[in-house]
Amino acid sequence: MRFKATFDIWQLTRSERAAIQPGQWITAGPEGPRGQYLGQKPNGIEVVAWREGADQYANKRRALRQYAIAK
């Protein structure tokens, strides 16, 4: 599957957000922070590794992805 250009996650419905490919770059709002979408928990919580202020980004992203896929 190919990634799309960065887009605003707030413009999507819950079911559309559930279909986002993990690793896709998103923003929260038109001028919001940029991050990588990592998945959606069964209860609907969106898991995103926000790029803003992340010192250990790779480690943080890895831990959040594990959280996103855990049941």
N, C-alpha and C. Protein backbone atom coordinates (compact mmCIF):
# COMPACT_ATOMS: atom_id res chain seq x y z
N MET A 1 0.82 -1.17 0.00
CA MET A 1 0.00 0.00 0.00
C MET A 1 0.88 1.25 0.00
N ARG A 2 0.51 2.23 -0.75
CA ARG A 2 1.27 3.47 -0.81
C ARG A 2 0.76 4.45 0.23
N PHE A 3 1.70 5.22 0.75
CA PHE A 3 1.32 6.28 1.68
C PHE A 3 0.81 7.48 0.89
N LYS A 4 -0.04 8.27 1.53
CA LYS A 4 -0.58 9.48 0.92
C LYS A 4 0.21 10.67 1.45
N ALA A 5 0.00 11.82 0.86
CA ALA A 5 0.59 13.05 1.39
C ALA A 5 0.00 13.29 2.78
N THR A 6 0.72 14.00 3.62
CA THR A 6 0.25 14.31 4.96
C THR A 6 -1.13 14.95 4.90
N PHE A 7 -2.05 14.48 5.75
CA PHE A 7 -3.40 15.04 5.75
C PHE A 7 -3.88 15.25 7.18
N ASP A 8 -4.95 16.02 7.31
CA ASP A 8 -5.54 16.39 8.60
C ASP A 8 -6.47 15.29 9.08
N ILE A 9 -6.12 14.65 10.18
CA ILE A 9 -6.93 13.54 10.71
C ILE A 9 -8.29 14.01 11.22
N TRP A 10 -8.40 15.27 11.60
CA TRP A 10 -9.66 15.79 12.11
C TRP A 10 -10.73 15.85 11.03
N GLN A 11 -10.36 15.76 9.77
CA GLN A 11 -11.33 15.82 8.68
C GLN A 11 -11.96 14.45 8.38
N LEU A 12 -11.52 13.41 9.08
CA LEU A 12 -11.99 12.04 8.80
C LEU A 12 -12.99 11.56 9.85
N THR A 13 -13.83 10.63 9.44
CA THR A 13 -14.75 9.99 10.38
C THR A 13 -13.98 8.91 11.15
N ARG A 14 -14.60 8.38 12.18
CA ARG A 14 -13.97 7.33 12.98
C ARG A 14 -13.62 6.11 12.13
N SER A 15 -14.53 5.70 11.26
CA SER A 15 -14.27 4.52 10.42
C SER A 15 -13.16 4.80 9.40
N GLU A 16 -13.10 6.02 8.89
CA GLU A 16 -12.02 6.39 7.96
C GLU A 16 -10.67 6.39 8.67
N ARG A 17 -10.64 6.86 9.92
CA ARG A 17 -9.39 6.86 10.69
C ARG A 17 -8.92 5.43 10.96
N ALA A 18 -9.86 4.51 11.17
CA ALA A 18 -9.50 3.11 11.43
C ALA A 18 -8.82 2.48 10.21
N ALA A 19 -9.07 3.01 9.03
CA ALA A 19 -8.50 2.45 7.80
C ALA A 19 -7.15 3.07 7.42
N ILE A 20 -6.66 4.02 8.21
CA ILE A 20 -5.37 4.64 7.89
C ILE A 20 -4.26 3.63 8.07
N GLN A 21 -3.34 3.60 7.14
CA GLN A 21 -2.20 2.70 7.20
C GLN A 21 -1.24 3.14 8.30
N PRO A 22 -0.83 2.24 9.21
CA PRO A 22 0.16 2.61 10.22
C PRO A 22 1.43 3.13 9.56
N GLY A 23 1.95 4.22 10.11
CA GLY A 23 3.14 4.85 9.55
C GLY A 23 2.81 6.08 8.71
N GLN A 24 1.53 6.28 8.41
CA GLN A 24 1.10 7.43 7.60
C GLN A 24 1.32 8.72 8.39
N TRP A 25 1.89 9.75 7.75
CA TRP A 25 2.06 11.05 8.38
C TRP A 25 0.74 11.79 8.35
N ILE A 26 0.38 12.37 9.51
CA ILE A 26 -0.87 13.12 9.65
C ILE A 26 -0.61 14.42 10.40
N THR A 27 -1.61 15.29 10.39
CA THR A 27 -1.60 16.47 11.24
C THR A 27 -2.90 16.47 12.04
N ALA A 28 -2.91 17.24 13.13
CA ALA A 28 -4.11 17.40 13.94
C ALA A 28 -4.57 18.84 13.76
N GLY A 29 -5.44 19.05 12.80
CA GLY A 29 -5.87 20.40 12.47
C GLY A 29 -5.07 20.94 11.30
N PRO A 30 -5.55 22.00 10.67
CA PRO A 30 -4.89 22.53 9.48
C PRO A 30 -3.45 22.98 9.71
N GLU A 31 -3.17 23.55 10.86
CA GLU A 31 -1.80 23.99 11.18
C GLU A 31 -1.27 23.25 12.41
N GLY A 32 -1.85 22.09 12.68
CA GLY A 32 -1.52 21.34 13.88
C GLY A 32 -0.19 20.61 13.80
N PRO A 33 0.17 19.94 14.88
CA PRO A 33 1.42 19.19 14.91
C PRO A 33 1.39 18.02 13.93
N ARG A 34 2.56 17.59 13.54
CA ARG A 34 2.72 16.49 12.58
C ARG A 34 3.14 15.25 13.35
N GLY A 35 2.59 14.10 12.96
CA GLY A 35 2.96 12.85 13.61
C GLY A 35 2.68 11.67 12.72
N GLN A 36 3.10 10.50 13.19
CA GLN A 36 2.85 9.26 12.45
C GLN A 36 1.71 8.50 13.12
N TYR A 37 0.72 8.15 12.31
CA TYR A 37 -0.41 7.38 12.78
C TYR A 37 0.06 5.95 13.03
N LEU A 38 -0.25 5.40 14.21
CA LEU A 38 0.22 4.06 14.56
C LEU A 38 -0.90 3.05 14.72
N GLY A 39 -2.13 3.49 14.70
CA GLY A 39 -3.24 2.55 14.80
C GLY A 39 -4.37 3.08 15.65
N GLN A 40 -5.42 2.25 15.76
CA GLN A 40 -6.59 2.60 16.55
C GLN A 40 -6.90 1.43 17.47
N LYS A 41 -7.03 1.70 18.76
CA LYS A 41 -7.38 0.68 19.74
C LYS A 41 -8.84 0.25 19.50
N PRO A 42 -9.24 -0.94 19.97
CA PRO A 42 -10.63 -1.39 19.79
C PRO A 42 -11.67 -0.43 20.36
N ASN A 43 -11.29 0.34 21.39
CA ASN A 43 -12.24 1.29 21.97
C ASN A 43 -12.26 2.62 21.23
N GLY A 44 -11.50 2.74 20.13
CA GLY A 44 -11.52 3.93 19.30
C GLY A 44 -10.42 4.94 19.57
N ILE A 45 -9.54 4.68 20.55
CA ILE A 45 -8.45 5.60 20.84
C ILE A 45 -7.46 5.58 19.70
N GLU A 46 -7.12 6.77 19.19
CA GLU A 46 -6.13 6.90 18.12
C GLU A 46 -4.74 6.95 18.74
N VAL A 47 -3.79 6.20 18.18
CA VAL A 47 -2.43 6.20 18.69
C VAL A 47 -1.54 6.86 17.63
N VAL A 48 -0.92 7.98 18.03
CA VAL A 48 -0.09 8.76 17.12
C VAL A 48 1.21 9.12 17.82
N ALA A 49 2.34 8.98 17.14
CA ALA A 49 3.63 9.43 17.64
C ALA A 49 3.85 10.84 17.09
N TRP A 50 3.60 11.84 17.95
CA TRP A 50 3.75 13.22 17.52
C TRP A 50 5.22 13.58 17.45
N ARG A 51 5.60 14.24 16.39
CA ARG A 51 6.99 14.59 16.14
C ARG A 51 7.46 15.75 17.01
N GLU A 52 6.55 16.61 17.43
CA GLU A 52 6.90 17.79 18.22
C GLU A 52 7.53 17.40 19.56
N GLY A 53 8.73 17.86 19.80
CA GLY A 53 9.38 17.69 21.10
C GLY A 53 9.76 16.26 21.47
N ALA A 54 9.87 15.37 20.53
CA ALA A 54 10.23 13.98 20.83
C ALA A 54 11.74 13.79 20.70
N ASP A 55 12.42 13.64 21.85
CA ASP A 55 13.87 13.47 21.83
C ASP A 55 14.25 12.09 21.32
N GLN A 56 13.64 11.07 21.85
CA GLN A 56 13.93 9.69 21.46
C GLN A 56 12.80 9.18 20.57
N TYR A 57 12.62 9.80 19.41
CA TYR A 57 11.47 9.54 18.56
C TYR A 57 11.33 8.07 18.17
N ALA A 58 12.39 7.42 17.76
CA ALA A 58 12.30 6.03 17.31
C ALA A 58 11.84 5.12 18.45
N ASN A 59 12.38 5.29 19.64
CA ASN A 59 11.98 4.46 20.78
C ASN A 59 10.53 4.74 21.17
N LYS A 60 10.16 6.00 21.16
CA LYS A 60 8.79 6.39 21.50
C LYS A 60 7.81 5.79 20.49
N ARG A 61 8.15 5.89 19.20
CA ARG A 61 7.29 5.36 18.15
C ARG A 61 7.12 3.85 18.30
N ARG A 62 8.20 3.13 18.56
CA ARG A 62 8.16 1.68 18.72
C ARG A 62 7.24 1.29 19.89
N ALA A 63 7.39 1.96 21.03
CA ALA A 63 6.56 1.65 22.19
C ALA A 63 5.09 1.95 21.93
N LEU A 64 4.81 3.07 21.26
CA LEU A 64 3.42 3.42 20.95
C LEU A 64 2.80 2.45 19.95
N ARG A 65 3.58 1.96 19.01
CA ARG A 65 3.05 0.99 18.04
C ARG A 65 2.68 -0.30 18.76
N GLN A 66 3.51 -0.74 19.69
CA GLN A 66 3.19 -1.94 20.46
C GLN A 66 1.90 -1.74 21.25
N TYR A 67 1.72 -0.54 21.81
CA TYR A 67 0.49 -0.23 22.52
C TYR A 67 -0.72 -0.26 21.57
N ALA A 68 -0.54 0.26 20.37
CA ALA A 68 -1.64 0.33 19.40
C ALA A 68 -2.13 -1.06 18.99
N ILE A 69 -1.22 -2.00 18.86
CA ILE A 69 -1.63 -3.33 18.37
C ILE A 69 -1.99 -4.29 19.51
N ALA A 70 -1.68 -3.94 20.75
CA ALA A 70 -2.04 -4.79 21.89
C ALA A 70 -3.55 -4.79 22.09
N LYS A 71 -4.10 -5.90 22.41
CA LYS A 71 -5.56 -6.02 22.61
C LYS A 71 -5.93 -5.71 24.01
